[in-house]
Every structure is written in C-alpha cells, then in structure tokens.
Amino acid sequence: MTTAQQQWWFCTRHNTVEGPDTDCPGKDLLGPYATREEAANALEKVKERNEEWDAQE
C-alpha cells in the first residue's frame, strides 16, 4: 500500500488530479493511486472496467 505522501486521487467534480492535501470530499474522489499518472488515467480505467463487467453480463 502507498503512504499518505505518495497517494493521488482523481476528483470527479473538478476533473483534476489531487494530492494528499486535497480539500475535495471523498465522495468526489477516485483512488488512491500510487502515482500522479495513474490518477490522471482514472476515468479511462473506470471505463475499461465497466466495459469488462458489461461483457460478463
């Protein structure tokens, strides 16, 4: 698991990558991710997972 200093989130409200000091509420965040790049690709990862789950139905 990553430490708090290494955690990054993607804020769905602001469409921005947020660091460990974010003021955004948890309900708006995807993550945590280990790198800023992973957080930046959060929506693509969600899309891929949804498509995989839809294909299983």
PDB file of N, CA and C in Angstrom:
ATOM      1  N   MET A   1       0.846  -1.190   0.000  1.00  0.00           N
ATOM      2  CA  MET A   1       0.000   0.000   0.000  1.00  0.00           C
ATOM      3  C   MET A   1       0.880   1.237   0.000  1.00  0.00           C
ATOM      4  N   THR A   2       0.375   2.298  -0.554  1.00  0.00           N
ATOM      5  CA  THR A   2       1.143   3.525  -0.632  1.00  0.00           C
ATOM      6  C   THR A   2       1.025   4.315   0.660  1.00  0.00           C
ATOM      7  N   THR A   3       2.009   5.141   0.924  1.00  0.00           N
ATOM      8  CA  THR A   3       1.938   6.011   2.090  1.00  0.00           C
ATOM      9  C   THR A   3       1.125   7.244   1.740  1.00  0.00           C
ATOM     10  N   ALA A   4       0.696   7.962   2.739  1.00  0.00           N
ATOM     11  CA  ALA A   4      -0.145   9.140   2.513  1.00  0.00           C
ATOM     12  C   ALA A   4       0.545  10.161   1.613  1.00  0.00           C
ATOM     13  N   GLN A   5       1.861  10.305   1.718  1.00  0.00           N
ATOM     14  CA  GLN A   5       2.570  11.279   0.904  1.00  0.00           C
ATOM     15  C   GLN A   5       2.616  10.864  -0.561  1.00  0.00           C
ATOM     16  N   GLN A   6       2.453   9.585  -0.849  1.00  0.00           N
ATOM     17  CA  GLN A   6       2.527   9.101  -2.218  1.00  0.00           C
ATOM     18  C   GLN A   6       1.157   8.948  -2.852  1.00  0.00           C
ATOM     19  N   GLN A   7       0.102   9.199  -2.133  1.00  0.00           N
ATOM     20  CA  GLN A   7      -1.233   8.956  -2.657  1.00  0.00           C
ATOM     21  C   GLN A   7      -1.743  10.116  -3.498  1.00  0.00           C
ATOM     22  N   TRP A   8      -2.405   9.744  -4.587  1.00  0.00           N
ATOM     23  CA  TRP A   8      -3.008  10.698  -5.510  1.00  0.00           C
ATOM     24  C   TRP A   8      -4.445  10.270  -5.772  1.00  0.00           C
ATOM     25  N   TRP A   9      -5.313  11.225  -6.018  1.00  0.00           N
ATOM     26  CA  TRP A   9      -6.710  10.959  -6.321  1.00  0.00           C
ATOM     27  C   TRP A   9      -7.105  11.717  -7.573  1.00  0.00           C
ATOM     28  N   PHE A  10      -8.186  11.250  -8.202  1.00  0.00           N
ATOM     29  CA  PHE A  10      -8.790  11.993  -9.297  1.00  0.00           C
ATOM     30  C   PHE A  10     -10.111  12.532  -8.797  1.00  0.00           C
ATOM     31  N   CYS A  11     -10.289  13.844  -8.855  1.00  0.00           N
ATOM     32  CA  CYS A  11     -11.524  14.482  -8.408  1.00  0.00           C
ATOM     33  C   CYS A  11     -12.502  14.536  -9.584  1.00  0.00           C
ATOM     34  N   THR A  12     -13.635  13.850  -9.428  1.00  0.00           N
ATOM     35  CA  THR A  12     -14.633  13.812 -10.494  1.00  0.00           C
ATOM     36  C   THR A  12     -15.417  15.116 -10.592  1.00  0.00           C
ATOM     37  N   ARG A  13     -15.393  15.909  -9.562  1.00  0.00           N
ATOM     38  CA  ARG A  13     -16.103  17.192  -9.591  1.00  0.00           C
ATOM     39  C   ARG A  13     -15.320  18.240 -10.386  1.00  0.00           C
ATOM     40  N   HIS A  14     -14.006  18.268 -10.173  1.00  0.00           N
ATOM     41  CA  HIS A  14     -13.168  19.271 -10.823  1.00  0.00           C
ATOM     42  C   HIS A  14     -12.390  18.727 -12.023  1.00  0.00           C
ATOM     43  N   ASN A  15     -12.449  17.392 -12.221  1.00  0.00           N
ATOM     44  CA  ASN A  15     -11.684  16.732 -13.287  1.00  0.00           C
ATOM     45  C   ASN A  15     -10.199  17.060 -13.196  1.00  0.00           C
ATOM     46  N   THR A  16      -9.683  16.940 -11.978  1.00  0.00           N
ATOM     47  CA  THR A  16      -8.272  17.224 -11.727  1.00  0.00           C
ATOM     48  C   THR A  16      -7.662  16.136 -10.865  1.00  0.00           C
ATOM     49  N   VAL A  17      -6.344  16.019 -10.957  1.00  0.00           N
ATOM     50  CA  VAL A  17      -5.596  15.131 -10.074  1.00  0.00           C
ATOM     51  C   VAL A  17      -5.328  15.893  -8.789  1.00  0.00           C
ATOM     52  N   GLU A  18      -5.572  15.239  -7.679  1.00  0.00           N
ATOM     53  CA  GLU A  18      -5.403  15.862  -6.371  1.00  0.00           C
ATOM     54  C   GLU A  18      -4.366  15.095  -5.554  1.00  0.00           C
ATOM     55  N   GLY A  19      -3.571  15.809  -4.805  1.00  0.00           N
ATOM     56  CA  GLY A  19      -2.554  15.208  -3.952  1.00  0.00           C
ATOM     57  C   GLY A  19      -3.092  14.906  -2.563  1.00  0.00           C
ATOM     58  N   PRO A  20      -2.193  14.532  -1.660  1.00  0.00           N
ATOM     59  CA  PRO A  20      -2.611  14.139  -0.317  1.00  0.00           C
ATOM     60  C   PRO A  20      -3.221  15.273   0.495  1.00  0.00           C
ATOM     61  N   ASP A  21      -3.026  16.514   0.084  1.00  0.00           N
ATOM     62  CA  ASP A  21      -3.564  17.654   0.826  1.00  0.00           C
ATOM     63  C   ASP A  21      -4.879  18.169   0.242  1.00  0.00           C
ATOM     64  N   THR A  22      -5.558  17.363  -0.564  1.00  0.00           N
ATOM     65  CA  THR A  22      -6.785  17.805  -1.221  1.00  0.00           C
ATOM     66  C   THR A  22      -7.871  18.188  -0.225  1.00  0.00           C
ATOM     67  N   ASP A  23      -8.633  19.195  -0.590  1.00  0.00           N
ATOM     68  CA  ASP A  23      -9.789  19.605   0.198  1.00  0.00           C
ATOM     69  C   ASP A  23     -11.082  19.019  -0.363  1.00  0.00           C
ATOM     70  N   CYS A  24     -10.990  18.295  -1.469  1.00  0.00           N
ATOM     71  CA  CYS A  24     -12.173  17.712  -2.091  1.00  0.00           C
ATOM     72  C   CYS A  24     -12.723  16.590  -1.208  1.00  0.00           C
ATOM     73  N   PRO A  25     -14.049  16.507  -1.094  1.00  0.00           N
ATOM     74  CA  PRO A  25     -14.637  15.446  -0.266  1.00  0.00           C
ATOM     75  C   PRO A  25     -14.444  14.071  -0.902  1.00  0.00           C
ATOM     76  N   GLY A  26     -14.362  13.065  -0.064  1.00  0.00           N
ATOM     77  CA  GLY A  26     -14.142  11.698  -0.514  1.00  0.00           C
ATOM     78  C   GLY A  26     -15.148  11.222  -1.544  1.00  0.00           C
ATOM     79  N   LYS A  27     -16.381  11.708  -1.471  1.00  0.00           N
ATOM     80  CA  LYS A  27     -17.412  11.264  -2.418  1.00  0.00           C
ATOM     81  C   LYS A  27     -17.091  11.671  -3.848  1.00  0.00           C
ATOM     82  N   ASP A  28     -16.201  12.641  -4.020  1.00  0.00           N
ATOM     83  CA  ASP A  28     -15.828  13.116  -5.348  1.00  0.00           C
ATOM     84  C   ASP A  28     -14.504  12.545  -5.843  1.00  0.00           C
ATOM     85  N   LEU A  29     -13.879  11.671  -5.060  1.00  0.00           N
ATOM     86  CA  LEU A  29     -12.536  11.208  -5.389  1.00  0.00           C
ATOM     87  C   LEU A  29     -12.500   9.751  -5.822  1.00  0.00           C
ATOM     88  N   LEU A  30     -11.672   9.465  -6.825  1.00  0.00           N
ATOM     89  CA  LEU A  30     -11.345   8.102  -7.227  1.00  0.00           C
ATOM     90  C   LEU A  30      -9.916   7.858  -6.777  1.00  0.00           C
ATOM     91  N   GLY A  31      -9.674   6.742  -6.143  1.00  0.00           N
ATOM     92  CA  GLY A  31      -8.325   6.421  -5.696  1.00  0.00           C
ATOM     93  C   GLY A  31      -8.316   5.915  -4.273  1.00  0.00           C
ATOM     94  N   PRO A  32      -7.189   5.834  -3.669  1.00  0.00           N
ATOM     95  CA  PRO A  32      -5.931   6.477  -4.022  1.00  0.00           C
ATOM     96  C   PRO A  32      -5.131   5.687  -5.055  1.00  0.00           C
ATOM     97  N   TYR A  33      -4.279   6.414  -5.744  1.00  0.00           N
ATOM     98  CA  TYR A  33      -3.353   5.850  -6.719  1.00  0.00           C
ATOM     99  C   TYR A  33      -1.932   6.141  -6.261  1.00  0.00           C
ATOM    100  N   ALA A  34      -1.004   5.291  -6.663  1.00  0.00           N
ATOM    101  CA  ALA A  34       0.388   5.427  -6.234  1.00  0.00           C
ATOM    102  C   ALA A  34       1.122   6.552  -6.954  1.00  0.00           C
ATOM    103  N   THR A  35       0.666   6.888  -8.169  1.00  0.00           N
ATOM    104  CA  THR A  35       1.345   7.942  -8.930  1.00  0.00           C
ATOM    105  C   THR A  35       0.336   8.935  -9.480  1.00  0.00           C
ATOM    106  N   ARG A  36       0.834  10.097  -9.793  1.00  0.00           N
ATOM    107  CA  ARG A  36       0.004  11.137 -10.399  1.00  0.00           C
ATOM    108  C   ARG A  36      -0.532  10.672 -11.754  1.00  0.00           C
ATOM    109  N   GLU A  37       0.296   9.947 -12.503  1.00  0.00           N
ATOM    110  CA  GLU A  37      -0.096   9.456 -13.821  1.00  0.00           C
ATOM    111  C   GLU A  37      -1.254   8.463 -13.723  1.00  0.00           C
ATOM    112  N   GLU A  38      -1.199   7.564 -12.736  1.00  0.00           N
ATOM    113  CA  GLU A  38      -2.302   6.614 -12.544  1.00  0.00           C
ATOM    114  C   GLU A  38      -3.590   7.358 -12.223  1.00  0.00           C
ATOM    115  N   ALA A  39      -3.505   8.364 -11.385  1.00  0.00           N
ATOM    116  CA  ALA A  39      -4.693   9.144 -11.041  1.00  0.00           C
ATOM    117  C   ALA A  39      -5.238   9.878 -12.263  1.00  0.00           C
ATOM    118  N   ALA A  40      -4.347  10.386 -13.101  1.00  0.00           N
ATOM    119  CA  ALA A  40      -4.769  11.103 -14.301  1.00  0.00           C
ATOM    120  C   ALA A  40      -5.519  10.187 -15.266  1.00  0.00           C
ATOM    121  N   ASN A  41      -5.246   8.890 -15.209  1.00  0.00           N
ATOM    122  CA  ASN A  41      -5.901   7.918 -16.082  1.00  0.00           C
ATOM    123  C   ASN A  41      -7.060   7.198 -15.405  1.00  0.00           C
ATOM    124  N   ALA A  42      -7.515   7.715 -14.297  1.00  0.00           N
ATOM    125  CA  ALA A  42      -8.558   7.049 -13.510  1.00  0.00           C
ATOM    126  C   ALA A  42      -9.846   6.852 -14.306  1.00  0.00           C
ATOM    127  N   LEU A  43     -10.286   7.841 -15.033  1.00  0.00           N
ATOM    128  CA  LEU A  43     -11.541   7.709 -15.773  1.00  0.00           C
ATOM    129  C   LEU A  43     -11.438   6.663 -16.870  1.00  0.00           C
ATOM    130  N   GLU A  44     -10.294   6.574 -17.512  1.00  0.00           N
ATOM    131  CA  GLU A  44     -10.097   5.550 -18.532  1.00  0.00           C
ATOM    132  C   GLU A  44     -10.143   4.161 -17.905  1.00  0.00           C
ATOM    133  N   LYS A  45      -9.553   4.019 -16.728  1.00  0.00           N
ATOM    134  CA  LYS A  45      -9.554   2.736 -16.026  1.00  0.00           C
ATOM    135  C   LYS A  45     -11.000   2.359 -15.633  1.00  0.00           C
ATOM    136  N   VAL A  46     -11.770   3.314 -15.177  1.00  0.00           N
ATOM    137  CA  VAL A  46     -13.174   3.064 -14.831  1.00  0.00           C
ATOM    138  C   VAL A  46     -13.936   2.611 -16.070  1.00  0.00           C
ATOM    139  N   LYS A  47     -13.708   3.274 -17.190  1.00  0.00           N
ATOM    140  CA  LYS A  47     -14.384   2.914 -18.438  1.00  0.00           C
ATOM    141  C   LYS A  47     -14.037   1.483 -18.843  1.00  0.00           C
ATOM    142  N   GLU A  48     -12.757   1.131 -18.772  1.00  0.00           N
ATOM    143  CA  GLU A  48     -12.323  -0.225 -19.121  1.00  0.00           C
ATOM    144  C   GLU A  48     -12.989  -1.266 -18.229  1.00  0.00           C
ATOM    145  N   ARG A  49     -13.011  -1.011 -16.937  1.00  0.00           N
ATOM    146  CA  ARG A  49     -13.624  -1.967 -16.002  1.00  0.00           C
ATOM    147  C   ARG A  49     -15.114  -2.102 -16.252  1.00  0.00           C
ATOM    148  N   ASN A  50     -15.793  -1.003 -16.517  1.00  0.00           N
ATOM    149  CA  ASN A  50     -17.228  -1.065 -16.805  1.00  0.00           C
ATOM    150  C   ASN A  50     -17.505  -1.869 -18.059  1.00  0.00           C
ATOM    151  N   GLU A  51     -16.686  -1.706 -19.084  1.00  0.00           N
ATOM    152  CA  GLU A  51     -16.861  -2.455 -20.314  1.00  0.00           C
ATOM    153  C   GLU A  51     -16.624  -3.948 -20.060  1.00  0.00           C
ATOM    154  N   GLU A  52     -15.645  -4.289 -19.230  1.00  0.00           N
ATOM    155  CA  GLU A  52     -15.389  -5.688 -18.884  1.00  0.00           C
ATOM    156  C   GLU A  52     -16.581  -6.291 -18.144  1.00  0.00           C
ATOM    157  N   TRP A  53     -17.117  -5.539 -17.189  1.00  0.00           N
ATOM    158  CA  TRP A  53     -18.272  -6.032 -16.419  1.00  0.00           C
ATOM    159  C   TRP A  53     -19.504  -6.169 -17.306  1.00  0.00           C
ATOM    160  N   ASP A  54     -19.715  -5.210 -18.211  1.00  0.00           N
ATOM    161  CA  ASP A  54     -20.856  -5.291 -19.126  1.00  0.00           C
ATOM    162  C   ASP A  54     -20.746  -6.519 -20.031  1.00  0.00           C
ATOM    163  N   ALA A  55     -19.528  -6.841 -20.442  1.00  0.00           N
ATOM    164  CA  ALA A  55     -19.325  -8.003 -21.312  1.00  0.00           C
ATOM    165  C   ALA A  55     -19.602  -9.312 -20.577  1.00  0.00           C
ATOM    166  N   GLN A  56     -19.505  -9.324 -19.274  1.00  0.00           N
ATOM    167  CA  GLN A  56     -19.749 -10.517 -18.479  1.00  0.00           C
ATOM    168  C   GLN A  56     -21.236 -10.784 -18.286  1.00  0.00           C
ATOM    169  N   GLU A  57     -22.046  -9.794 -18.487  1.00  0.00           N
ATOM    170  CA  GLU A  57     -23.498  -9.959 -18.246  1.00  0.00           C
ATOM    171  C   GLU A  57     -24.180 -10.704 -19.348  1.00  0.00           C
TER     172      GLU A  57
END
